[in-house]
């Protein structure tokens, strides 16, 4: 399966959702439409 790149907007949204909104990793992943543990590399 090909890796999809995340937009900078989504990358910046993750910490905001975590700290300001207090969302869990699962809730953030659903909100942004990404996996909970994206593979880096």
PDB file of N, CA and C in Angstrom:
ATOM      1  N   UNK A   1       0.841  -1.180   0.000  1.00  0.00           N
ATOM      2  CA  UNK A   1       0.000   0.000   0.000  1.00  0.00           C
ATOM      3  C   UNK A   1       0.886   1.243   0.000  1.00  0.00           C
ATOM      4  N   UNK A   2       0.550   2.205  -0.817  1.00  0.00           N
ATOM      5  CA  UNK A   2       1.321   3.444  -0.917  1.00  0.00           C
ATOM      6  C   UNK A   2       1.062   4.335   0.294  1.00  0.00           C
ATOM      7  N   UNK A   3       2.102   5.018   0.721  1.00  0.00           N
ATOM      8  CA  UNK A   3       1.958   5.957   1.838  1.00  0.00           C
ATOM      9  C   UNK A   3       1.376   7.259   1.315  1.00  0.00           C
ATOM     10  N   UNK A   4       0.466   7.834   2.079  1.00  0.00           N
ATOM     11  CA  UNK A   4      -0.090   9.150   1.740  1.00  0.00           C
ATOM     12  C   UNK A   4       0.596  10.191   2.592  1.00  0.00           C
ATOM     13  N   UNK A   5       0.901  11.306   2.002  1.00  0.00           N
ATOM     14  CA  UNK A   5       1.489  12.414   2.761  1.00  0.00           C
ATOM     15  C   UNK A   5       0.367  13.191   3.457  1.00  0.00           C
ATOM     16  N   UNK A   6       0.666  13.679   4.646  1.00  0.00           N
ATOM     17  CA  UNK A   6      -0.296  14.505   5.367  1.00  0.00           C
ATOM     18  C   UNK A   6      -0.048  15.964   5.033  1.00  0.00           C
ATOM     19  N   UNK A   7      -1.127  16.700   4.908  1.00  0.00           N
ATOM     20  CA  UNK A   7      -0.978  18.132   4.651  1.00  0.00           C
ATOM     21  C   UNK A   7      -0.474  18.816   5.925  1.00  0.00           C
ATOM     22  N   UNK A   8       0.173  19.940   5.742  1.00  0.00           N
ATOM     23  CA  UNK A   8       0.685  20.699   6.885  1.00  0.00           C
ATOM     24  C   UNK A   8      -0.460  21.113   7.804  1.00  0.00           C
ATOM     25  N   UNK A   9      -1.611  21.385   7.229  1.00  0.00           N
ATOM     26  CA  UNK A   9      -2.781  21.770   8.024  1.00  0.00           C
ATOM     27  C   UNK A   9      -3.151  20.658   9.011  1.00  0.00           C
ATOM     28  N   UNK A  10      -3.165  19.405   8.531  1.00  0.00           N
ATOM     29  CA  UNK A  10      -3.500  18.281   9.411  1.00  0.00           C
ATOM     30  C   UNK A  10      -2.422  18.066  10.461  1.00  0.00           C
ATOM     31  N   UNK A  11      -1.169  18.219  10.051  1.00  0.00           N
ATOM     32  CA  UNK A  11      -0.064  18.042  10.997  1.00  0.00           C
ATOM     33  C   UNK A  11      -0.161  19.059  12.131  1.00  0.00           C
ATOM     34  N   UNK A  12      -0.504  20.297  11.808  1.00  0.00           N
ATOM     35  CA  UNK A  12      -0.636  21.341  12.832  1.00  0.00           C
ATOM     36  C   UNK A  12      -1.902  21.160  13.673  1.00  0.00           C
ATOM     37  N   UNK A  13      -2.898  20.525  13.109  1.00  0.00           N
ATOM     38  CA  UNK A  13      -4.174  20.340  13.803  1.00  0.00           C
ATOM     39  C   UNK A  13      -4.059  19.320  14.945  1.00  0.00           C
ATOM     40  N   UNK A  14      -3.182  18.319  14.793  1.00  0.00           N
ATOM     41  CA  UNK A  14      -3.072  17.246  15.787  1.00  0.00           C
ATOM     42  C   UNK A  14      -2.718  17.774  17.179  1.00  0.00           C
ATOM     43  N   UNK A  15      -1.630  18.532  17.350  1.00  0.00           N
ATOM     44  CA  UNK A  15      -1.337  19.026  18.711  1.00  0.00           C
ATOM     45  C   UNK A  15      -2.406  19.970  19.261  1.00  0.00           C
ATOM     46  N   UNK A  16      -3.028  20.751  18.377  1.00  0.00           N
ATOM     47  CA  UNK A  16      -4.091  21.653  18.841  1.00  0.00           C
ATOM     48  C   UNK A  16      -5.257  20.854  19.404  1.00  0.00           C
ATOM     49  N   UNK A  17      -5.657  19.812  18.695  1.00  0.00           N
ATOM     50  CA  UNK A  17      -6.765  18.991  19.177  1.00  0.00           C
ATOM     51  C   UNK A  17      -6.401  18.283  20.481  1.00  0.00           C
ATOM     52  N   UNK A  18      -5.165  17.861  20.583  1.00  0.00           N
ATOM     53  CA  UNK A  18      -4.729  17.147  21.781  1.00  0.00           C
ATOM     54  C   UNK A  18      -4.674  18.066  22.998  1.00  0.00           C
ATOM     55  N   UNK A  19      -4.083  19.240  22.836  1.00  0.00           N
ATOM     56  CA  UNK A  19      -3.859  20.104  23.997  1.00  0.00           C
ATOM     57  C   UNK A  19      -5.016  21.044  24.300  1.00  0.00           C
ATOM     58  N   UNK A  20      -5.542  21.702  23.286  1.00  0.00           N
ATOM     59  CA  UNK A  20      -6.616  22.667  23.534  1.00  0.00           C
ATOM     60  C   UNK A  20      -7.959  21.985  23.756  1.00  0.00           C
ATOM     61  N   UNK A  21      -8.218  20.937  22.993  1.00  0.00           N
ATOM     62  CA  UNK A  21      -9.515  20.281  23.066  1.00  0.00           C
ATOM     63  C   UNK A  21      -9.509  19.056  23.985  1.00  0.00           C
ATOM     64  N   UNK A  22      -8.307  18.529  24.303  1.00  0.00           N
ATOM     65  CA  UNK A  22      -8.204  17.383  25.191  1.00  0.00           C
ATOM     66  C   UNK A  22      -8.694  16.081  24.570  1.00  0.00           C
ATOM     67  N   UNK A  23      -8.584  15.948  23.251  1.00  0.00           N
ATOM     68  CA  UNK A  23      -9.068  14.745  22.578  1.00  0.00           C
ATOM     69  C   UNK A  23      -8.047  13.617  22.664  1.00  0.00           C
ATOM     70  N   UNK A  24      -8.533  12.388  22.590  1.00  0.00           N
ATOM     71  CA  UNK A  24      -7.657  11.211  22.590  1.00  0.00           C
ATOM     72  C   UNK A  24      -7.091  11.007  21.193  1.00  0.00           C
ATOM     73  N   UNK A  25      -6.087  10.138  21.077  1.00  0.00           N
ATOM     74  CA  UNK A  25      -5.479   9.833  19.772  1.00  0.00           C
ATOM     75  C   UNK A  25      -6.528   9.286  18.810  1.00  0.00           C
ATOM     76  N   UNK A  26      -7.412   8.459  19.285  1.00  0.00           N
ATOM     77  CA  UNK A  26      -8.463   7.886  18.433  1.00  0.00           C
ATOM     78  C   UNK A  26      -9.402   8.980  17.922  1.00  0.00           C
ATOM     79  N   UNK A  27      -9.802   9.889  18.800  1.00  0.00           N
ATOM     80  CA  UNK A  27     -10.694  10.975  18.395  1.00  0.00           C
ATOM     81  C   UNK A  27     -10.019  11.909  17.393  1.00  0.00           C
ATOM     82  N   UNK A  28      -8.736  12.174  17.606  1.00  0.00           N
ATOM     83  CA  UNK A  28      -7.992  13.026  16.683  1.00  0.00           C
ATOM     84  C   UNK A  28      -7.873  12.354  15.327  1.00  0.00           C
ATOM     85  N   UNK A  29      -7.554  11.069  15.316  1.00  0.00           N
ATOM     86  CA  UNK A  29      -7.420  10.337  14.056  1.00  0.00           C
ATOM     87  C   UNK A  29      -8.725  10.366  13.274  1.00  0.00           C
ATOM     88  N   UNK A  30      -9.834  10.164  13.953  1.00  0.00           N
ATOM     89  CA  UNK A  30     -11.133  10.216  13.279  1.00  0.00           C
ATOM     90  C   UNK A  30     -11.431  11.617  12.759  1.00  0.00           C
ATOM     91  N   UNK A  31     -11.129  12.616  13.551  1.00  0.00           N
ATOM     92  CA  UNK A  31     -11.405  13.996  13.166  1.00  0.00           C
ATOM     93  C   UNK A  31     -10.601  14.414  11.939  1.00  0.00           C
ATOM     94  N   UNK A  32      -9.335  13.985  11.877  1.00  0.00           N
ATOM     95  CA  UNK A  32      -8.449  14.373  10.778  1.00  0.00           C
ATOM     96  C   UNK A  32      -8.468  13.382   9.621  1.00  0.00           C
ATOM     97  N   UNK A  33      -9.102  12.234   9.826  1.00  0.00           N
ATOM     98  CA  UNK A  33      -9.151  11.232   8.763  1.00  0.00           C
ATOM     99  C   UNK A  33      -7.818  10.554   8.532  1.00  0.00           C
ATOM    100  N   UNK A  34      -7.060  10.334   9.626  1.00  0.00           N
ATOM    101  CA  UNK A  34      -5.760   9.679   9.531  1.00  0.00           C
ATOM    102  C   UNK A  34      -5.737   8.504  10.494  1.00  0.00           C
ATOM    103  N   UNK A  35      -4.710   7.656  10.382  1.00  0.00           N
ATOM    104  CA  UNK A  35      -4.538   6.535  11.298  1.00  0.00           C
ATOM    105  C   UNK A  35      -4.057   7.029  12.655  1.00  0.00           C
ATOM    106  N   UNK A  36      -4.276   6.226  13.679  1.00  0.00           N
ATOM    107  CA  UNK A  36      -3.826   6.612  15.013  1.00  0.00           C
ATOM    108  C   UNK A  36      -2.311   6.658  15.122  1.00  0.00           C
ATOM    109  N   UNK A  37      -1.669   5.724  14.447  1.00  0.00           N
ATOM    110  CA  UNK A  37      -0.202   5.640  14.515  1.00  0.00           C
ATOM    111  C   UNK A  37       0.366   5.604  13.109  1.00  0.00           C
ATOM    112  N   UNK A  38       0.490   6.770  12.470  1.00  0.00           N
ATOM    113  CA  UNK A  38       1.019   6.777  11.109  1.00  0.00           C
ATOM    114  C   UNK A  38       2.476   6.310  11.096  1.00  0.00           C
ATOM    115  N   UNK A  39       2.842   5.622  10.056  1.00  0.00           N
ATOM    116  CA  UNK A  39       4.209   5.129   9.894  1.00  0.00           C
ATOM    117  C   UNK A  39       5.080   6.250   9.357  1.00  0.00           C
ATOM    118  N   UNK A  40       6.140   6.561  10.052  1.00  0.00           N
ATOM    119  CA  UNK A  40       7.071   7.604   9.607  1.00  0.00           C
ATOM    120  C   UNK A  40       8.256   6.947   8.918  1.00  0.00           C
ATOM    121  N   UNK A  41       8.811   7.614   7.965  1.00  0.00           N
ATOM    122  CA  UNK A  41       9.993   7.053   7.341  1.00  0.00           C
ATOM    123  C   UNK A  41      10.146   7.515   6.013  1.00  0.00           C
TER     124      UNK A  41
END
